[in-house]
Amino acid sequence: MPRKKQPSHTSTPSSITLALSEQRLRADALDKEHQWLLKQIKKKRTELHNFVEQMRSVATQIFHHIEPEFQKVTKIDREIHALFNEILNTRKLGQKTKQDILAVYRSLQFSGLISAKPIEEETDPELDQLFEPDEQENDFSQNSTSSDRQSHTHLEQETTRTEESRKIRQTFLRLAEIFHPDKVTDSESQMRHTEIMKELNRAYQENDLAKLLEIEKQHLTGEDIDSFSEDDLTRQCHILEQQNSLLKKQYENLKQELRLAKNTPEGALVSDYRQATKLGIDPLQQMLAQTEKEMKIMVEIRNFVKDFRDKKMTIKEFIKGPDCLTEMSQTMRAKLLEEIFGIPVTIIDF
């Protein structure tokens, strides 16, 4: 009597089913993180672009409105330096008188009332030689240690950049293989692929992985991970992990670029500009008023130094400095004492 055939088991063992389920969950989580990173990068890229454009716009407005006045201030500032140079180099002055004049000159620079310029003074050559060897030795030791650290850091950065560039290049080549115009025959598809290739090239030149993946997502239909085998899911998870790692770095780099842009003088100007506008203040008019105030002070200083050059005042009167310097000194002293004692202080000169 023939033996009955046992029914074949077509169902997947539970252990394999569980492994597939876990891999699908992992792939799904990685894919969600992937989509979130792409969205955040696009948002941050737009924010950075808008901020940079606003920096340019504000700078252009300020240049057209403030630059003529600023040039006048610069011209007067140069005149003041020229007057001091003339006094110090053409008049016969005693050593103490010269030091007193230099003290006024330095005070004007340190207070910010005029621009800073290097002041040439005589030095003792023997004193310079006394300190020269040790300073050179210390500099060499510090520079050597610093150079070693910089070389090590630079090597690590180069290695990281090389790895990132390699992965971005792989993504670009994979997409270029798909979207190359020669891959299609009809003219409409060729035109479409040509435009896509332009976007791909631009993103590749900018090392913008997010943009490459955005293009892929926009023009390709996504695969259904539910139909993947265990090997397919493992491979997909590996690819997503690598891509997400690079996307996180790109996202952090964009945030850092935006922070750096905001911390520049131009960025701070944009922030002040926005704040003033919110308060209903015209920033340009405010800047013009401030520039006019600076102009008035500069003119006062120039006339003060000019009167001394023309011998319309004594050295004793000159070393007291112009009124604006005296007022600033009083304000700075009051502020310092206020910080020390924690209460408002009024300075009275006797």
C-alpha atoms as a PDB file:
ATOM      1  CA  MET A   1       0.000   0.000   0.000  1.00  0.00           C
ATOM      2  CA  PRO A   2       1.589   3.310  -1.056  1.00  0.00           C
ATOM      3  CA  ARG A   3       2.585   5.667   1.757  1.00  0.00           C
ATOM      4  CA  LYS A   4       0.621   8.880   1.949  1.00  0.00           C
ATOM      5  CA  LYS A   5       2.614  12.023   1.230  1.00  0.00           C
ATOM      6  CA  GLN A   6       2.891  14.420   4.116  1.00  0.00           C
ATOM      7  CA  PRO A   7       1.492  17.885   3.288  1.00  0.00           C
ATOM      8  CA  SER A   8       4.318  20.359   2.564  1.00  0.00           C
ATOM      9  CA  HIS A   9       4.598  23.311   4.975  1.00  0.00           C
ATOM     10  CA  THR A  10       4.570  26.535   2.947  1.00  0.00           C
ATOM     11  CA  SER A  11       4.300  28.882   5.918  1.00  0.00           C
ATOM     12  CA  THR A  12       7.413  30.846   7.066  1.00  0.00           C
ATOM     13  CA  PRO A  13       8.874  29.773  10.424  1.00  0.00           C
ATOM     14  CA  SER A  14       7.932  32.111  13.263  1.00  0.00           C
ATOM     15  CA  SER A  15      11.570  33.102  13.952  1.00  0.00           C
ATOM     16  CA  ILE A  16      12.004  34.308  10.356  1.00  0.00           C
ATOM     17  CA  THR A  17       8.683  36.141  10.478  1.00  0.00           C
ATOM     18  CA  LEU A  18       9.711  37.873  13.699  1.00  0.00           C
ATOM     19  CA  ALA A  19      13.079  38.871  12.223  1.00  0.00           C
ATOM     20  CA  LEU A  20      11.373  40.309   9.148  1.00  0.00           C
ATOM     21  CA  SER A  21       8.914  42.202  11.335  1.00  0.00           C
ATOM     22  CA  GLU A  22      11.724  43.725  13.418  1.00  0.00           C
ATOM     23  CA  GLN A  23      13.692  44.675  10.301  1.00  0.00           C
ATOM     24  CA  ARG A  24      10.621  46.295   8.766  1.00  0.00           C
ATOM     25  CA  LEU A  25      10.046  48.314  11.933  1.00  0.00           C
ATOM     26  CA  ARG A  26      13.700  49.377  11.939  1.00  0.00           C
ATOM     27  CA  ALA A  27      13.578  50.288   8.246  1.00  0.00           C
ATOM     28  CA  ASP A  28      10.351  52.218   8.793  1.00  0.00           C
ATOM     29  CA  ALA A  29      11.877  54.179  11.717  1.00  0.00           C
ATOM     30  CA  LEU A  30      14.986  54.988   9.701  1.00  0.00           C
ATOM     31  CA  ASP A  31      12.868  56.083   6.755  1.00  0.00           C
ATOM     32  CA  LYS A  32      10.808  58.410   8.984  1.00  0.00           C
ATOM     33  CA  GLU A  33      14.025  59.902  10.387  1.00  0.00           C
ATOM     34  CA  HIS A  34      15.264  60.248   6.801  1.00  0.00           C
ATOM     35  CA  GLN A  35      12.162  62.171   5.713  1.00  0.00           C
ATOM     36  CA  TRP A  36      12.320  64.382   8.829  1.00  0.00           C
ATOM     37  CA  LEU A  37      15.970  65.270   8.162  1.00  0.00           C
ATOM     38  CA  LEU A  38      15.232  66.124   4.536  1.00  0.00           C
ATOM     39  CA  LYS A  39      12.389  68.404   5.640  1.00  0.00           C
ATOM     40  CA  GLN A  40      14.497  70.119   8.326  1.00  0.00           C
ATOM     41  CA  ILE A  41      17.450  70.623   5.971  1.00  0.00           C
ATOM     42  CA  LYS A  42      15.189  72.183   3.355  1.00  0.00           C
ATOM     43  CA  LYS A  43      13.691  74.479   5.990  1.00  0.00           C
ATOM     44  CA  LYS A  44      17.083  75.476   7.423  1.00  0.00           C
ATOM     45  CA  ARG A  45      18.526  75.996   3.940  1.00  0.00           C
ATOM     46  CA  THR A  46      15.652  78.357   3.111  1.00  0.00           C
ATOM     47  CA  GLU A  47      16.121  80.193   6.425  1.00  0.00           C
ATOM     48  CA  LEU A  48      19.839  80.647   5.750  1.00  0.00           C
ATOM     49  CA  HIS A  49      19.195  81.822   2.186  1.00  0.00           C
ATOM     50  CA  ASN A  50      16.579  84.357   3.342  1.00  0.00           C
ATOM     51  CA  PHE A  51      18.848  85.689   6.099  1.00  0.00           C
ATOM     52  CA  VAL A  52      21.782  86.142   3.714  1.00  0.00           C
ATOM     53  CA  GLU A  53      19.524  87.901   1.227  1.00  0.00           C
ATOM     54  CA  GLN A  54      18.271  90.212   3.976  1.00  0.00           C
ATOM     55  CA  MET A  55      21.867  90.949   4.980  1.00  0.00           C
ATOM     56  CA  ARG A  56      22.565  92.041   1.408  1.00  0.00           C
ATOM     57  CA  SER A  57      19.383  94.095   1.239  1.00  0.00           C
ATOM     58  CA  VAL A  58      20.055  95.900   4.529  1.00  0.00           C
ATOM     59  CA  ALA A  59      23.703  96.476   3.597  1.00  0.00           C
ATOM     60  CA  THR A  60      22.635  97.981   0.248  1.00  0.00           C
ATOM     61  CA  GLN A  61      20.132 100.325   1.905  1.00  0.00           C
ATOM     62  CA  ILE A  62      22.645 101.446   4.514  1.00  0.00           C
ATOM     63  CA  PHE A  63      25.324 101.956   1.885  1.00  0.00           C
ATOM     64  CA  HIS A  64      23.137 104.280  -0.168  1.00  0.00           C
ATOM     65  CA  HIS A  65      21.899 106.286   2.840  1.00  0.00           C
ATOM     66  CA  ILE A  66      24.812 106.274   5.267  1.00  0.00           C
ATOM     67  CA  GLU A  67      27.932 105.926   3.106  1.00  0.00           C
ATOM     68  CA  PRO A  68      28.133 109.624   2.077  1.00  0.00           C
ATOM     69  CA  GLU A  69      27.991 110.698   5.748  1.00  0.00           C
ATOM     70  CA  PHE A  70      30.420 107.988   6.760  1.00  0.00           C
ATOM     71  CA  GLN A  71      32.904 109.241   4.157  1.00  0.00           C
ATOM     72  CA  LYS A  72      32.726 112.699   5.738  1.00  0.00           C
ATOM     73  CA  VAL A  73      33.467 111.223   9.184  1.00  0.00           C
ATOM     74  CA  THR A  74      36.402 109.265   7.733  1.00  0.00           C
ATOM     75  CA  LYS A  75      37.786 112.402   6.102  1.00  0.00           C
ATOM     76  CA  ILE A  76      37.697 114.340   9.388  1.00  0.00           C
ATOM     77  CA  ASP A  77      39.260 111.390  11.218  1.00  0.00           C
ATOM     78  CA  ARG A  78      42.193 111.455   8.786  1.00  0.00           C
ATOM     79  CA  GLU A  79      42.563 115.199   9.282  1.00  0.00           C
ATOM     80  CA  ILE A  80      42.842 114.690  13.061  1.00  0.00           C
ATOM     81  CA  HIS A  81      45.587 112.080  12.661  1.00  0.00           C
ATOM     82  CA  ALA A  82      47.396 114.330  10.201  1.00  0.00           C
ATOM     83  CA  LEU A  83      47.258 117.236  12.669  1.00  0.00           C
ATOM     84  CA  PHE A  84      48.786 115.137  15.468  1.00  0.00           C
ATOM     85  CA  ASN A  85      51.438 113.864  13.077  1.00  0.00           C
ATOM     86  CA  GLU A  86      52.284 117.431  12.077  1.00  0.00           C
ATOM     87  CA  ILE A  87      52.488 118.586  15.719  1.00  0.00           C
ATOM     88  CA  LEU A  88      54.652 115.667  16.846  1.00  0.00           C
ATOM     89  CA  ASN A  89      57.045 115.784  13.892  1.00  0.00           C
ATOM     90  CA  THR A  90      57.414 119.465  12.996  1.00  0.00           C
ATOM     91  CA  ARG A  91      57.290 121.321  16.305  1.00  0.00           C
ATOM     92  CA  LYS A  92      60.201 121.470  18.688  1.00  0.00           C
ATOM     93  CA  LEU A  93      58.892 119.788  21.808  1.00  0.00           C
ATOM     94  CA  GLY A  94      60.430 118.789  25.107  1.00  0.00           C
ATOM     95  CA  GLN A  95      60.256 115.130  26.125  1.00  0.00           C
ATOM     96  CA  LYS A  96      57.563 115.723  28.757  1.00  0.00           C
ATOM     97  CA  THR A  97      55.483 117.918  26.423  1.00  0.00           C
ATOM     98  CA  LYS A  98      55.678 115.267  23.710  1.00  0.00           C
ATOM     99  CA  GLN A  99      54.547 112.561  26.155  1.00  0.00           C
ATOM    100  CA  ASP A 100      51.648 114.749  27.268  1.00  0.00           C
ATOM    101  CA  ILE A 101      50.539 115.247  23.656  1.00  0.00           C
ATOM    102  CA  LEU A 102      50.861 111.507  22.998  1.00  0.00           C
ATOM    103  CA  ALA A 103      48.741 110.853  26.094  1.00  0.00           C
ATOM    104  CA  VAL A 104      45.921 112.983  24.651  1.00  0.00           C
ATOM    105  CA  TYR A 105      46.341 111.257  21.271  1.00  0.00           C
ATOM    106  CA  ARG A 106      46.119 107.817  22.880  1.00  0.00           C
ATOM    107  CA  SER A 107      43.111 108.793  24.998  1.00  0.00           C
ATOM    108  CA  LEU A 108      41.190 109.849  21.900  1.00  0.00           C
ATOM    109  CA  GLN A 109      41.970 106.512  20.256  1.00  0.00           C
ATOM    110  CA  PHE A 110      41.306 104.305  23.284  1.00  0.00           C
ATOM    111  CA  SER A 111      37.981 105.997  23.897  1.00  0.00           C
ATOM    112  CA  GLY A 112      36.938 105.290  20.309  1.00  0.00           C
ATOM    113  CA  LEU A 113      36.420 108.954  19.466  1.00  0.00           C
ATOM    114  CA  ILE A 114      38.928 108.600  16.618  1.00  0.00           C
ATOM    115  CA  SER A 115      40.216 105.533  14.822  1.00  0.00           C
ATOM    116  CA  ALA A 116      43.156 103.565  16.194  1.00  0.00           C
ATOM    117  CA  LYS A 117      46.501 104.158  14.509  1.00  0.00           C
ATOM    118  CA  PRO A 118      49.928 102.758  15.447  1.00  0.00           C
ATOM    119  CA  ILE A 119      52.024 105.299  17.342  1.00  0.00           C
ATOM    120  CA  GLU A 120      55.743 105.071  16.670  1.00  0.00           C
ATOM    121  CA  GLU A 121      57.862 105.480  19.804  1.00  0.00           C
ATOM    122  CA  GLU A 122      61.550 105.100  20.533  1.00  0.00           C
ATOM    123  CA  THR A 123      62.529 101.829  22.233  1.00  0.00           C
ATOM    124  CA  ASP A 124      65.693 100.634  23.936  1.00  0.00           C
ATOM    125  CA  PRO A 125      67.513  98.191  21.597  1.00  0.00           C
ATOM    126  CA  GLU A 126      69.311  96.533  24.524  1.00  0.00           C
ATOM    127  CA  LEU A 127      65.976  95.895  26.239  1.00  0.00           C
ATOM    128  CA  ASP A 128      64.595  94.330  23.057  1.00  0.00           C
ATOM    129  CA  GLN A 129      67.639  92.039  22.755  1.00  0.00           C
ATOM    130  CA  LEU A 130      67.287  91.023  26.394  1.00  0.00           C
ATOM    131  CA  PHE A 131      63.875  89.485  25.838  1.00  0.00           C
ATOM    132  CA  GLU A 132      64.277  88.380  22.225  1.00  0.00           C
ATOM    133  CA  PRO A 133      65.825  84.878  22.666  1.00  0.00           C
ATOM    134  CA  ASP A 134      63.368  83.627  25.300  1.00  0.00           C
ATOM    135  CA  GLU A 135      60.393  84.952  23.373  1.00  0.00           C
ATOM    136  CA  GLN A 136      61.606  83.270  20.199  1.00  0.00           C
ATOM    137  CA  GLU A 137      62.157  79.985  22.046  1.00  0.00           C
ATOM    138  CA  ASN A 138      58.724  80.119  23.664  1.00  0.00           C
ATOM    139  CA  ASP A 139      57.119  81.012  20.371  1.00  0.00           C
ATOM    140  CA  PHE A 140      58.838  78.048  18.696  1.00  0.00           C
ATOM    141  CA  SER A 141      57.731  75.641  21.429  1.00  0.00           C
ATOM    142  CA  GLN A 142      54.156  76.926  21.416  1.00  0.00           C
ATOM    143  CA  ASN A 143      53.969  77.019  17.644  1.00  0.00           C
ATOM    144  CA  SER A 144      55.358  73.482  17.421  1.00  0.00           C
ATOM    145  CA  THR A 145      52.779  72.077  19.854  1.00  0.00           C
ATOM    146  CA  SER A 146      50.006  74.075  18.250  1.00  0.00           C
ATOM    147  CA  SER A 147      51.101  72.935  14.798  1.00  0.00           C
ATOM    148  CA  ASP A 148      51.010  69.265  15.861  1.00  0.00           C
ATOM    149  CA  ARG A 149      47.478  69.634  17.233  1.00  0.00           C
ATOM    150  CA  GLN A 150      46.317  71.484  14.127  1.00  0.00           C
ATOM    151  CA  SER A 151      47.859  68.838  11.839  1.00  0.00           C
ATOM    152  CA  HIS A 152      46.108  66.031  13.741  1.00  0.00           C
ATOM    153  CA  THR A 153      42.767  67.856  13.704  1.00  0.00           C
ATOM    154  CA  HIS A 154      43.200  68.731  10.034  1.00  0.00           C
ATOM    155  CA  LEU A 155      43.925  65.067   9.204  1.00  0.00           C
ATOM    156  CA  GLU A 156      40.766  63.927  11.001  1.00  0.00           C
ATOM    157  CA  GLN A 157      38.681  66.563   9.239  1.00  0.00           C
ATOM    158  CA  GLU A 158      40.128  65.647   5.847  1.00  0.00           C
ATOM    159  CA  THR A 159      39.406  61.940   6.444  1.00  0.00           C
ATOM    160  CA  THR A 160      35.799  62.724   7.403  1.00  0.00           C
ATOM    161  CA  ARG A 161      35.327  65.034   4.428  1.00  0.00           C
ATOM    162  CA  THR A 162      36.804  62.418   2.070  1.00  0.00           C
ATOM    163  CA  GLU A 163      34.403  59.759   3.338  1.00  0.00           C
ATOM    164  CA  GLU A 164      31.427  62.107   3.047  1.00  0.00           C
ATOM    165  CA  SER A 165      32.457  63.180  -0.443  1.00  0.00           C
ATOM    166  CA  ARG A 166      32.807  59.545  -1.489  1.00  0.00           C
ATOM    167  CA  LYS A 167      29.273  58.718  -0.356  1.00  0.00           C
ATOM    168  CA  ILE A 168      27.831  61.827  -1.958  1.00  0.00           C
ATOM    169  CA  ARG A 169      29.629  60.921  -5.180  1.00  0.00           C
ATOM    170  CA  GLN A 170      28.171  57.392  -5.040  1.00  0.00           C
ATOM    171  CA  THR A 171      24.664  58.826  -4.672  1.00  0.00           C
ATOM    172  CA  PHE A 172      25.265  61.256  -7.521  1.00  0.00           C
ATOM    173  CA  LEU A 173      26.596  58.539  -9.866  1.00  0.00           C
ATOM    174  CA  ARG A 174      23.668  56.254  -9.047  1.00  0.00           C
ATOM    175  CA  LEU A 175      21.145  58.994  -9.868  1.00  0.00           C
ATOM    176  CA  ALA A 176      23.112  60.158 -12.914  1.00  0.00           C
ATOM    177  CA  GLU A 177      22.938  56.608 -14.242  1.00  0.00           C
ATOM    178  CA  ILE A 178      19.131  56.713 -13.900  1.00  0.00           C
ATOM    179  CA  PHE A 179      18.516  60.232 -15.195  1.00  0.00           C
ATOM    180  CA  HIS A 180      21.106  60.531 -17.957  1.00  0.00           C
ATOM    181  CA  PRO A 181      19.358  61.891 -21.081  1.00  0.00           C
ATOM    182  CA  ASP A 182      20.800  59.049 -23.172  1.00  0.00           C
ATOM    183  CA  LYS A 183      18.737  56.582 -21.135  1.00  0.00           C
ATOM    184  CA  VAL A 184      15.543  57.750 -22.861  1.00  0.00           C
ATOM    185  CA  THR A 185      14.677  58.110 -26.519  1.00  0.00           C
ATOM    186  CA  ASP A 186      11.741  60.525 -26.856  1.00  0.00           C
ATOM    187  CA  SER A 187      12.556  64.240 -26.927  1.00  0.00           C
ATOM    188  CA  GLU A 188      10.194  65.172 -24.082  1.00  0.00           C
ATOM    189  CA  SER A 189      11.831  62.698 -21.680  1.00  0.00           C
ATOM    190  CA  GLN A 190      15.283  63.790 -22.801  1.00  0.00           C
ATOM    191  CA  MET A 191      14.464  67.423 -21.983  1.00  0.00           C
ATOM    192  CA  ARG A 192      13.113  66.376 -18.591  1.00  0.00           C
ATOM    193  CA  HIS A 193      16.201  64.297 -17.813  1.00  0.00           C
ATOM    194  CA  THR A 194      18.457  67.134 -18.947  1.00  0.00           C
ATOM    195  CA  GLU A 195      16.859  69.497 -16.409  1.00  0.00           C
ATOM    196  CA  ILE A 196      17.110  66.865 -13.681  1.00  0.00           C
ATOM    197  CA  MET A 197      20.792  66.343 -14.518  1.00  0.00           C
ATOM    198  CA  LYS A 198      21.379  70.083 -14.128  1.00  0.00           C
ATOM    199  CA  GLU A 199      19.878  69.915 -10.624  1.00  0.00           C
ATOM    200  CA  LEU A 200      21.944  66.844  -9.812  1.00  0.00           C
ATOM    201  CA  ASN A 201      25.161  68.509 -10.974  1.00  0.00           C
ATOM    202  CA  ARG A 202      24.425  71.646  -8.976  1.00  0.00           C
ATOM    203  CA  ALA A 203      23.695  69.623  -5.825  1.00  0.00           C
ATOM    204  CA  TYR A 204      26.827  67.526  -6.336  1.00  0.00           C
ATOM    205  CA  GLN A 205      29.032  70.606  -6.770  1.00  0.00           C
ATOM    206  CA  GLU A 206      27.611  71.997  -3.501  1.00  0.00           C
ATOM    207  CA  ASN A 207      28.080  68.639  -1.691  1.00  0.00           C
ATOM    208  CA  ASP A 208      24.373  68.754  -0.917  1.00  0.00           C
ATOM    209  CA  LEU A 209      23.288  65.183  -0.206  1.00  0.00           C
ATOM    210  CA  ALA A 210      19.835  66.304   0.928  1.00  0.00           C
ATOM    211  CA  LYS A 211      19.196  67.946  -2.437  1.00  0.00           C
ATOM    212  CA  LEU A 212      20.307  64.810  -4.290  1.00  0.00           C
ATOM    213  CA  LEU A 213      17.903  62.696  -2.232  1.00  0.00           C
ATOM    214  CA  GLU A 214      15.111  65.272  -2.668  1.00  0.00           C
ATOM    215  CA  ILE A 215      15.523  64.974  -6.439  1.00  0.00           C
ATOM    216  CA  GLU A 216      15.425  61.199  -6.158  1.00  0.00           C
ATOM    217  CA  LYS A 217      12.272  61.322  -4.057  1.00  0.00           C
ATOM    218  CA  GLN A 218      10.632  63.837  -6.402  1.00  0.00           C
ATOM    219  CA  HIS A 219      11.221  61.911  -9.612  1.00  0.00           C
ATOM    220  CA  LEU A 220      11.272  58.271  -8.531  1.00  0.00           C
ATOM    221  CA  THR A 221       8.500  56.164  -7.040  1.00  0.00           C
ATOM    222  CA  GLY A 222       9.489  54.824  -3.640  1.00  0.00           C
ATOM    223  CA  GLU A 223       9.781  51.088  -3.076  1.00  0.00           C
ATOM    224  CA  ASP A 224       7.394  49.247  -0.782  1.00  0.00           C
ATOM    225  CA  ILE A 225       9.430  47.840   2.107  1.00  0.00           C
ATOM    226  CA  ASP A 226       6.604  45.411   2.923  1.00  0.00           C
ATOM    227  CA  SER A 227       7.625  43.370  -0.125  1.00  0.00           C
ATOM    228  CA  PHE A 228      11.335  43.296   0.810  1.00  0.00           C
ATOM    229  CA  SER A 229      13.086  40.106   1.830  1.00  0.00           C
ATOM    230  CA  GLU A 230      15.218  40.000   4.969  1.00  0.00           C
ATOM    231  CA  ASP A 231      18.383  40.653   2.930  1.00  0.00           C
ATOM    232  CA  ASP A 232      16.682  43.537   1.133  1.00  0.00           C
ATOM    233  CA  LEU A 233      15.615  45.065   4.443  1.00  0.00           C
ATOM    234  CA  THR A 234      19.096  44.689   5.934  1.00  0.00           C
ATOM    235  CA  ARG A 235      20.622  46.390   2.908  1.00  0.00           C
ATOM    236  CA  GLN A 236      17.995  49.145   2.962  1.00  0.00           C
ATOM    237  CA  CYS A 237      18.606  49.803   6.681  1.00  0.00           C
ATOM    238  CA  HIS A 238      22.347  50.028   6.066  1.00  0.00           C
ATOM    239  CA  ILE A 239      21.859  52.545   3.241  1.00  0.00           C
ATOM    240  CA  LEU A 240      19.443  54.647   5.309  1.00  0.00           C
ATOM    241  CA  GLU A 241      21.796  54.663   8.308  1.00  0.00           C
ATOM    242  CA  GLN A 242      24.657  55.938   6.154  1.00  0.00           C
ATOM    243  CA  GLN A 243      22.496  58.562   4.463  1.00  0.00           C
ATOM    244  CA  ASN A 244      20.953  59.727   7.752  1.00  0.00           C
ATOM    245  CA  SER A 245      24.397  60.089   9.294  1.00  0.00           C
ATOM    246  CA  LEU A 246      25.461  62.389   6.443  1.00  0.00           C
ATOM    247  CA  LEU A 247      22.166  64.276   6.537  1.00  0.00           C
ATOM    248  CA  LYS A 248      22.599  64.950  10.267  1.00  0.00           C
ATOM    249  CA  LYS A 249      26.030  66.432   9.572  1.00  0.00           C
ATOM    250  CA  GLN A 250      24.629  68.554   6.759  1.00  0.00           C
ATOM    251  CA  TYR A 251      21.824  69.759   9.043  1.00  0.00           C
ATOM    252  CA  GLU A 252      24.309  70.679  11.798  1.00  0.00           C
ATOM    253  CA  ASN A 253      26.521  72.457   9.247  1.00  0.00           C
ATOM    254  CA  LEU A 254      23.576  74.530   8.042  1.00  0.00           C
ATOM    255  CA  LYS A 255      22.667  75.476  11.615  1.00  0.00           C
ATOM    256  CA  GLN A 256      26.295  76.429  12.237  1.00  0.00           C
ATOM    257  CA  GLU A 257      26.397  78.541   9.048  1.00  0.00           C
ATOM    258  CA  LEU A 258      23.271  80.379  10.163  1.00  0.00           C
ATOM    259  CA  ARG A 259      24.713  80.986  13.642  1.00  0.00           C
ATOM    260  CA  LEU A 260      27.940  82.308  12.141  1.00  0.00           C
ATOM    261  CA  ALA A 261      26.031  84.568   9.759  1.00  0.00           C
ATOM    262  CA  LYS A 262      23.991  85.994  12.646  1.00  0.00           C
ATOM    263  CA  ASN A 263      27.143  86.591  14.705  1.00  0.00           C
ATOM    264  CA  THR A 264      28.852  88.673  12.011  1.00  0.00           C
ATOM    265  CA  PRO A 265      28.613  92.486  12.211  1.00  0.00           C
ATOM    266  CA  GLU A 266      26.306  92.368   9.198  1.00  0.00           C
ATOM    267  CA  GLY A 267      24.155  89.721  10.878  1.00  0.00           C
ATOM    268  CA  ALA A 268      23.934  91.748  14.082  1.00  0.00           C
ATOM    269  CA  LEU A 269      22.923  94.721  11.960  1.00  0.00           C
ATOM    270  CA  VAL A 270      20.059  92.704  10.459  1.00  0.00           C
ATOM    271  CA  SER A 271      18.905  91.667  13.955  1.00  0.00           C
ATOM    272  CA  ASP A 272      18.996  95.286  15.168  1.00  0.00           C
ATOM    273  CA  TYR A 273      17.236  96.380  11.993  1.00  0.00           C
ATOM    274  CA  ARG A 274      14.429  93.860  12.564  1.00  0.00           C
ATOM    275  CA  GLN A 275      14.078  94.805  16.235  1.00  0.00           C
ATOM    276  CA  ALA A 276      13.921  98.521  15.482  1.00  0.00           C
ATOM    277  CA  THR A 277      11.316  97.959  12.766  1.00  0.00           C
ATOM    278  CA  LYS A 278       9.143  95.955  15.174  1.00  0.00           C
ATOM    279  CA  LEU A 279       9.281  98.878  17.637  1.00  0.00           C
ATOM    280  CA  GLY A 280       8.175 101.295  14.910  1.00  0.00           C
ATOM    281  CA  ILE A 281      11.594 102.943  14.633  1.00  0.00           C
ATOM    282  CA  ASP A 282      13.151 103.866  11.314  1.00  0.00           C
ATOM    283  CA  PRO A 283      16.621 102.264  11.550  1.00  0.00           C
ATOM    284  CA  LEU A 284      18.084 104.335   8.728  1.00  0.00           C
ATOM    285  CA  GLN A 285      17.010 107.617  10.302  1.00  0.00           C
ATOM    286  CA  GLN A 286      18.398 106.415  13.623  1.00  0.00           C
ATOM    287  CA  MET A 287      21.738 105.602  11.993  1.00  0.00           C
ATOM    288  CA  LEU A 288      21.832 108.961  10.247  1.00  0.00           C
ATOM    289  CA  ALA A 289      21.199 110.723  13.555  1.00  0.00           C
ATOM    290  CA  GLN A 290      24.000 108.741  15.200  1.00  0.00           C
ATOM    291  CA  THR A 291      26.366 109.511  12.325  1.00  0.00           C
ATOM    292  CA  GLU A 292      25.567 113.213  12.569  1.00  0.00           C
ATOM    293  CA  LYS A 293      26.286 113.066  16.304  1.00  0.00           C
ATOM    294  CA  GLU A 294      29.655 111.419  15.621  1.00  0.00           C
ATOM    295  CA  MET A 295      30.369 114.041  12.965  1.00  0.00           C
ATOM    296  CA  LYS A 296      29.753 116.832  15.469  1.00  0.00           C
ATOM    297  CA  ILE A 297      32.181 115.246  17.963  1.00  0.00           C
ATOM    298  CA  MET A 298      34.820 114.697  15.270  1.00  0.00           C
ATOM    299  CA  VAL A 299      34.585 118.324  14.162  1.00  0.00           C
ATOM    300  CA  GLU A 300      35.002 119.437  17.794  1.00  0.00           C
ATOM    301  CA  ILE A 301      38.130 117.283  18.166  1.00  0.00           C
ATOM    302  CA  ARG A 302      39.590 118.461  14.869  1.00  0.00           C
ATOM    303  CA  ASN A 303      39.084 122.121  15.756  1.00  0.00           C
ATOM    304  CA  PHE A 304      40.551 121.520  19.215  1.00  0.00           C
ATOM    305  CA  VAL A 305      43.755 119.958  17.821  1.00  0.00           C
ATOM    306  CA  LYS A 306      43.935 122.562  15.069  1.00  0.00           C
ATOM    307  CA  ASP A 307      43.787 125.399  17.625  1.00  0.00           C
ATOM    308  CA  PHE A 308      46.706 123.842  19.492  1.00  0.00           C
ATOM    309  CA  ARG A 309      48.672 123.478  16.269  1.00  0.00           C
ATOM    310  CA  ASP A 310      48.005 127.139  15.495  1.00  0.00           C
ATOM    311  CA  LYS A 311      49.171 128.036  19.047  1.00  0.00           C
ATOM    312  CA  LYS A 312      45.765 129.346  20.091  1.00  0.00           C
ATOM    313  CA  MET A 313      45.969 127.444  23.397  1.00  0.00           C
ATOM    314  CA  THR A 314      48.663 126.453  25.855  1.00  0.00           C
ATOM    315  CA  ILE A 315      49.943 122.940  26.450  1.00  0.00           C
ATOM    316  CA  LYS A 316      48.253 123.035  29.856  1.00  0.00           C
ATOM    317  CA  GLU A 317      44.888 123.698  28.207  1.00  0.00           C
ATOM    318  CA  PHE A 318      45.558 121.072  25.568  1.00  0.00           C
ATOM    319  CA  ILE A 319      46.393 118.187  27.903  1.00  0.00           C
ATOM    320  CA  LYS A 320      42.975 118.549  29.529  1.00  0.00           C
ATOM    321  CA  GLY A 321      41.595 117.284  26.235  1.00  0.00           C
ATOM    322  CA  PRO A 322      38.450 118.371  24.368  1.00  0.00           C
ATOM    323  CA  ASP A 323      35.144 118.585  26.219  1.00  0.00           C
ATOM    324  CA  CYS A 324      33.812 115.419  24.543  1.00  0.00           C
ATOM    325  CA  LEU A 325      36.754 113.387  25.923  1.00  0.00           C
ATOM    326  CA  THR A 326      36.206 114.809  29.422  1.00  0.00           C
ATOM    327  CA  GLU A 327      32.500 113.970  29.268  1.00  0.00           C
ATOM    328  CA  MET A 328      33.248 110.443  28.101  1.00  0.00           C
ATOM    329  CA  SER A 329      35.798 109.938  30.876  1.00  0.00           C
ATOM    330  CA  GLN A 330      33.241 111.031  33.450  1.00  0.00           C
ATOM    331  CA  THR A 331      30.620 108.671  32.013  1.00  0.00           C
ATOM    332  CA  MET A 332      33.049 105.746  31.994  1.00  0.00           C
ATOM    333  CA  ARG A 333      34.136 106.428  35.568  1.00  0.00           C
ATOM    334  CA  ALA A 334      30.514 106.647  36.722  1.00  0.00           C
ATOM    335  CA  LYS A 335      29.699 103.374  34.981  1.00  0.00           C
ATOM    336  CA  LEU A 336      32.703 101.640  36.543  1.00  0.00           C
ATOM    337  CA  LEU A 337      31.819 102.815  40.060  1.00  0.00           C
ATOM    338  CA  GLU A 338      28.205 101.841  39.492  1.00  0.00           C
ATOM    339  CA  GLU A 339      29.308  98.316  38.575  1.00  0.00           C
ATOM    340  CA  ILE A 340      31.519  98.131  41.677  1.00  0.00           C
ATOM    341  CA  PHE A 341      29.004  99.489  44.215  1.00  0.00           C
ATOM    342  CA  GLY A 342      25.790  98.429  42.463  1.00  0.00           C
ATOM    343  CA  ILE A 343      24.181 101.894  42.781  1.00  0.00           C
ATOM    344  CA  PRO A 344      24.014 104.939  40.472  1.00  0.00           C
ATOM    345  CA  VAL A 345      27.007 107.227  41.006  1.00  0.00           C
ATOM    346  CA  THR A 346      27.299 110.888  40.055  1.00  0.00           C
ATOM    347  CA  ILE A 347      30.807 112.148  39.277  1.00  0.00           C
ATOM    348  CA  ILE A 348      31.536 115.728  40.417  1.00  0.00           C
ATOM    349  CA  ASP A 349      34.708 117.402  39.233  1.00  0.00           C
ATOM    350  CA  PHE A 350      36.126 120.099  41.511  1.00  0.00           C
END
